[in-house]
PDB file of N, CA and C in Angstrom:
ATOM      1  N   MET A   1     175.975  62.432  33.462  1.00  0.00           N
ATOM      2  CA  MET A   1     176.380  63.816  33.526  1.00  0.00           C
ATOM      3  C   MET A   1     175.237  64.691  33.041  1.00  0.00           C
ATOM      4  N   ASN A   2     175.077  65.798  33.664  1.00  0.00           N
ATOM      5  CA  ASN A   2     174.036  66.742  33.313  1.00  0.00           C
ATOM      6  C   ASN A   2     174.443  67.513  32.059  1.00  0.00           C
ATOM      7  N   LYS A   3     173.577  67.585  31.060  1.00  0.00           N
ATOM      8  CA  LYS A   3     173.896  68.275  29.813  1.00  0.00           C
ATOM      9  C   LYS A   3     174.100  69.769  30.020  1.00  0.00           C
ATOM     10  N   ASN A   4     173.519  70.343  31.048  1.00  0.00           N
ATOM     11  CA  ASN A   4     173.656  71.773  31.295  1.00  0.00           C
ATOM     12  C   ASN A   4     175.053  72.155  31.749  1.00  0.00           C
ATOM     13  N   ASN A   5     175.815  71.210  32.300  1.00  0.00           N
ATOM     14  CA  ASN A   5     177.131  71.512  32.853  1.00  0.00           C
ATOM     15  C   ASN A   5     178.269  71.210  31.888  1.00  0.00           C
ATOM     16  N   THR A   6     177.995  70.826  30.639  1.00  0.00           N
ATOM     17  CA  THR A   6     179.056  70.420  29.726  1.00  0.00           C
ATOM     18  C   THR A   6     179.869  71.584  29.204  1.00  0.00           C
ATOM     19  N   ASN A   7     179.331  72.783  29.150  1.00  0.00           N
ATOM     20  CA  ASN A   7     180.034  73.930  28.584  1.00  0.00           C
ATOM     21  C   ASN A   7     180.548  74.895  29.645  1.00  0.00           C
ATOM     22  N   ILE A   8     180.719  74.443  30.868  1.00  0.00           N
ATOM     23  CA  ILE A   8     181.178  75.327  31.944  1.00  0.00           C
ATOM     24  C   ILE A   8     182.697  75.434  31.890  1.00  0.00           C
ATOM     25  N   ASN A   9     183.195  76.651  31.954  1.00  0.00           N
ATOM     26  CA  ASN A   9     184.625  76.905  31.947  1.00  0.00           C
ATOM     27  C   ASN A   9     185.211  76.474  33.288  1.00  0.00           C
ATOM     28  N   PRO A  10     186.227  75.593  33.308  1.00  0.00           N
ATOM     29  CA  PRO A  10     186.804  75.155  34.592  1.00  0.00           C
ATOM     30  C   PRO A  10     187.503  76.275  35.341  1.00  0.00           C
ATOM     31  N   MET A  11     187.855  77.353  34.661  1.00  0.00           N
ATOM     32  CA  MET A  11     188.509  78.477  35.321  1.00  0.00           C
ATOM     33  C   MET A  11     187.501  79.470  35.886  1.00  0.00           C
ATOM     34  N   ASP A  12     186.216  79.197  35.722  1.00  0.00           N
ATOM     35  CA  ASP A  12     185.170  80.090  36.213  1.00  0.00           C
ATOM     36  C   ASP A  12     185.226  80.126  37.739  1.00  0.00           C
ATOM     37  N   GLU A  13     185.149  81.297  38.316  1.00  0.00           N
ATOM     38  CA  GLU A  13     185.256  81.474  39.760  1.00  0.00           C
ATOM     39  C   GLU A  13     183.963  81.158  40.504  1.00  0.00           C
ATOM     40  N   GLU A  14     182.857  80.994  39.827  1.00  0.00           N
ATOM     41  CA  GLU A  14     181.576  80.780  40.487  1.00  0.00           C
ATOM     42  C   GLU A  14     181.398  79.328  40.890  1.00  0.00           C
ATOM     43  N   MET A  15     180.717  79.112  42.002  1.00  0.00           N
ATOM     44  CA  MET A  15     180.425  77.772  42.491  1.00  0.00           C
ATOM     45  C   MET A  15     179.242  77.199  41.718  1.00  0.00           C
ATOM     46  N   LEU A  16     179.307  75.935  41.374  1.00  0.00           N
ATOM     47  CA  LEU A  16     178.205  75.283  40.676  1.00  0.00           C
ATOM     48  C   LEU A  16     176.991  75.187  41.586  1.00  0.00           C
ATOM     49  N   PRO A  17     175.779  75.213  41.033  1.00  0.00           N
ATOM     50  CA  PRO A  17     174.571  75.206  41.856  1.00  0.00           C
ATOM     51  C   PRO A  17     174.407  73.952  42.706  1.00  0.00           C
ATOM     52  N   GLU A  18     174.968  72.825  42.287  1.00  0.00           N
ATOM     53  CA  GLU A  18     174.808  71.601  43.092  1.00  0.00           C
ATOM     54  C   GLU A  18     175.671  71.602  44.349  1.00  0.00           C
ATOM     55  N   TYR A  19     176.590  72.560  44.471  1.00  0.00           N
ATOM     56  CA  TYR A  19     177.400  72.701  45.678  1.00  0.00           C
ATOM     57  C   TYR A  19     176.821  73.815  46.543  1.00  0.00           C
ATOM     58  N   ASP A  20     175.705  73.540  47.181  1.00  0.00           N
ATOM     59  CA  ASP A  20     175.008  74.544  47.983  1.00  0.00           C
ATOM     60  C   ASP A  20     175.349  74.329  49.451  1.00  0.00           C
ATOM     61  N   PHE A  21     176.104  75.240  50.039  1.00  0.00           N
ATOM     62  CA  PHE A  21     176.510  75.142  51.436  1.00  0.00           C
ATOM     63  C   PHE A  21     175.783  76.153  52.320  1.00  0.00           C
ATOM     64  N   THR A  22     174.627  76.631  51.891  1.00  0.00           N
ATOM     65  CA  THR A  22     173.931  77.656  52.657  1.00  0.00           C
ATOM     66  C   THR A  22     173.369  77.133  53.970  1.00  0.00           C
ATOM     67  N   VAL A  23     173.123  75.836  54.087  1.00  0.00           N
ATOM     68  CA  VAL A  23     172.560  75.294  55.321  1.00  0.00           C
ATOM     69  C   VAL A  23     173.627  74.633  56.187  1.00  0.00           C
ATOM     70  N   GLY A  24     174.883  74.664  55.766  1.00  0.00           N
ATOM     71  CA  GLY A  24     175.962  74.050  56.534  1.00  0.00           C
ATOM     72  C   GLY A  24     176.343  74.896  57.739  1.00  0.00           C
ATOM     73  N   ILE A  25     176.955  74.258  58.714  1.00  0.00           N
ATOM     74  CA  ILE A  25     177.415  74.939  59.920  1.00  0.00           C
ATOM     75  C   ILE A  25     178.934  74.869  59.939  1.00  0.00           C
ATOM     76  N   ARG A  26     179.589  76.010  59.818  1.00  0.00           N
ATOM     77  CA  ARG A  26     181.050  76.051  59.790  1.00  0.00           C
ATOM     78  C   ARG A  26     181.611  75.644  61.156  1.00  0.00           C
ATOM     79  N   GLY A  27     182.554  74.699  61.149  1.00  0.00           N
ATOM     80  CA  GLY A  27     183.206  74.263  62.375  1.00  0.00           C
ATOM     81  C   GLY A  27     182.396  73.287  63.203  1.00  0.00           C
ATOM     82  N   LYS A  28     181.399  72.649  62.614  1.00  0.00           N
ATOM     83  CA  LYS A  28     180.513  71.753  63.355  1.00  0.00           C
ATOM     84  C   LYS A  28     181.281  70.602  64.007  1.00  0.00           C
ATOM     85  N   HIS A  29     182.271  70.037  63.321  1.00  0.00           N
ATOM     86  CA  HIS A  29     183.025  68.891  63.837  1.00  0.00           C
ATOM     87  C   HIS A  29     184.457  69.266  64.211  1.00  0.00           C
ATOM     88  N   TYR A  30     184.710  70.525  64.430  1.00  0.00           N
ATOM     89  CA  TYR A  30     186.057  71.019  64.692  1.00  0.00           C
ATOM     90  C   TYR A  30     186.690  70.378  65.931  1.00  0.00           C
ATOM     91  N   GLN A  31     186.003  70.394  67.050  1.00  0.00           N
ATOM     92  CA  GLN A  31     186.565  69.857  68.290  1.00  0.00           C
ATOM     93  C   GLN A  31     186.799  68.348  68.199  1.00  0.00           C
ATOM     94  N   GLU A  32     185.868  67.615  67.609  1.00  0.00           N
ATOM     95  CA  GLU A  32     186.031  66.179  67.468  1.00  0.00           C
ATOM     96  C   GLU A  32     187.213  65.844  66.564  1.00  0.00           C
ATOM     97  N   TYR A  33     187.393  66.611  65.512  1.00  0.00           N
ATOM     98  CA  TYR A  33     188.488  66.374  64.581  1.00  0.00           C
ATOM     99  C   TYR A  33     189.837  66.613  65.251  1.00  0.00           C
ATOM    100  N   ARG A  34     189.922  67.610  66.092  1.00  0.00           N
ATOM    101  CA  ARG A  34     191.180  67.900  66.788  1.00  0.00           C
ATOM    102  C   ARG A  34     191.533  66.833  67.809  1.00  0.00           C
ATOM    103  N   GLN A  35     190.563  66.101  68.317  1.00  0.00           N
ATOM    104  CA  GLN A  35     190.836  65.038  69.278  1.00  0.00           C
ATOM    105  C   GLN A  35     191.443  63.813  68.607  1.00  0.00           C
ATOM    106  N   GLY A  36     191.346  63.727  67.292  1.00  0.00           N
ATOM    107  CA  GLY A  36     191.938  62.624  66.552  1.00  0.00           C
ATOM    108  C   GLY A  36     190.901  61.892  65.738  1.00  0.00           C
ATOM    109  N   HIS A  37     191.365  61.255  64.677  1.00  0.00           N
ATOM    110  CA  HIS A  37     190.469  60.480  63.841  1.00  0.00           C
ATOM    111  C   HIS A  37     191.240  59.300  63.244  1.00  0.00           C
ATOM    112  N   THR A  38     190.524  58.261  62.890  1.00  0.00           N
ATOM    113  CA  THR A  38     191.107  57.041  62.364  1.00  0.00           C
ATOM    114  C   THR A  38     190.763  56.894  60.892  1.00  0.00           C
ATOM    115  N   VAL A  39     191.757  56.493  60.103  1.00  0.00           N
ATOM    116  CA  VAL A  39     191.567  56.221  58.684  1.00  0.00           C
ATOM    117  C   VAL A  39     191.907  54.759  58.447  1.00  0.00           C
ATOM    118  N   LYS A  40     190.975  54.013  57.866  1.00  0.00           N
ATOM    119  CA  LYS A  40     191.211  52.605  57.541  1.00  0.00           C
ATOM    120  C   LYS A  40     191.334  52.465  56.034  1.00  0.00           C
ATOM    121  N   ILE A  41     192.441  51.858  55.578  1.00  0.00           N
ATOM    122  CA  ILE A  41     192.693  51.664  54.163  1.00  0.00           C
ATOM    123  C   ILE A  41     192.715  50.166  53.891  1.00  0.00           C
ATOM    124  N   SER A  42     191.788  49.710  53.053  1.00  0.00           N
ATOM    125  CA  SER A  42     191.721  48.294  52.691  1.00  0.00           C
ATOM    126  C   SER A  42     192.630  48.046  51.499  1.00  0.00           C
ATOM    127  N   GLN A  43     193.560  47.121  51.666  1.00  0.00           N
ATOM    128  CA  GLN A  43     194.493  46.766  50.605  1.00  0.00           C
ATOM    129  C   GLN A  43     193.891  45.695  49.706  1.00  0.00           C
ATOM    130  N   THR A  44     194.435  45.540  48.512  1.00  0.00           N
ATOM    131  CA  THR A  44     193.924  44.547  47.568  1.00  0.00           C
ATOM    132  C   THR A  44     194.191  43.123  48.019  1.00  0.00           C
ATOM    133  N   ASP A  45     195.191  42.917  48.896  1.00  0.00           N
ATOM    134  CA  ASP A  45     195.490  41.563  49.364  1.00  0.00           C
ATOM    135  C   ASP A  45     194.642  41.156  50.567  1.00  0.00           C
ATOM    136  N   GLY A  46     193.692  41.991  50.963  1.00  0.00           N
ATOM    137  CA  GLY A  46     192.782  41.665  52.055  1.00  0.00           C
ATOM    138  C   GLY A  46     193.178  42.237  53.400  1.00  0.00           C
ATOM    139  N   THR A  47     194.367  42.814  53.501  1.00  0.00           N
ATOM    140  CA  THR A  47     194.792  43.412  54.765  1.00  0.00           C
ATOM    141  C   THR A  47     194.227  44.824  54.890  1.00  0.00           C
ATOM    142  N   THR A  48     194.215  45.319  56.111  1.00  0.00           N
ATOM    143  CA  THR A  48     193.724  46.666  56.375  1.00  0.00           C
ATOM    144  C   THR A  48     194.795  47.443  57.124  1.00  0.00           C
ATOM    145  N   VAL A  49     195.093  48.635  56.646  1.00  0.00           N
ATOM    146  CA  VAL A  49     196.035  49.531  57.304  1.00  0.00           C
ATOM    147  C   VAL A  49     195.215  50.545  58.080  1.00  0.00           C
ATOM    148  N   VAL A  50     195.499  50.668  59.382  1.00  0.00           N
ATOM    149  CA  VAL A  50     194.770  51.595  60.235  1.00  0.00           C
ATOM    150  C   VAL A  50     195.735  52.700  60.669  1.00  0.00           C
ATOM    151  N   LEU A  51     195.365  53.936  60.364  1.00  0.00           N
ATOM    152  CA  LEU A  51     196.177  55.089  60.732  1.00  0.00           C
ATOM    153  C   LEU A  51     195.370  55.989  61.660  1.00  0.00           C
ATOM    154  N   PHE A  52     195.994  56.441  62.729  1.00  0.00           N
ATOM    155  CA  PHE A  52     195.337  57.341  63.662  1.00  0.00           C
ATOM    156  C   PHE A  52     196.030  58.689  63.587  1.00  0.00           C
ATOM    157  N   TYR A  53     195.264  59.731  63.327  1.00  0.00           N
ATOM    158  CA  TYR A  53     195.793  61.080  63.222  1.00  0.00           C
ATOM    159  C   TYR A  53     195.299  61.907  64.396  1.00  0.00           C
ATOM    160  N   ILE A  54     196.203  62.691  64.951  1.00  0.00           N
ATOM    161  CA  ILE A  54     195.856  63.589  66.033  1.00  0.00           C
ATOM    162  C   ILE A  54     196.483  64.943  65.741  1.00  0.00           C
ATOM    163  N   TRP A  55     195.781  65.997  66.081  1.00  0.00           N
ATOM    164  CA  TRP A  55     196.248  67.344  65.839  1.00  0.00           C
ATOM    165  C   TRP A  55     197.265  67.728  66.908  1.00  0.00           C
ATOM    166  N   LEU A  56     198.478  68.038  66.483  1.00  0.00           N
ATOM    167  CA  LEU A  56     199.500  68.499  67.409  1.00  0.00           C
ATOM    168  C   LEU A  56     199.747  69.972  67.145  1.00  0.00           C
ATOM    169  N   TYR A  57     199.481  70.774  68.123  1.00  0.00           N
ATOM    170  CA  TYR A  57     199.640  72.220  67.908  1.00  0.00           C
ATOM    171  C   TYR A  57     200.706  72.767  68.715  1.00  0.00           C
TER     172      TYR A  57
END
């Protein structure tokens, strides 16, 4: 943990400097996300649960 961030108030409205989104593109993956996405959850017993989500509007 960075020593400079230990006294930051959690209720502070300002974004921390390490969360810099100035070079991000809003909506870059919007169309792909609406077409559906798969989530794989690995269980402790070795099985995998696969869930497919699709946007229904």
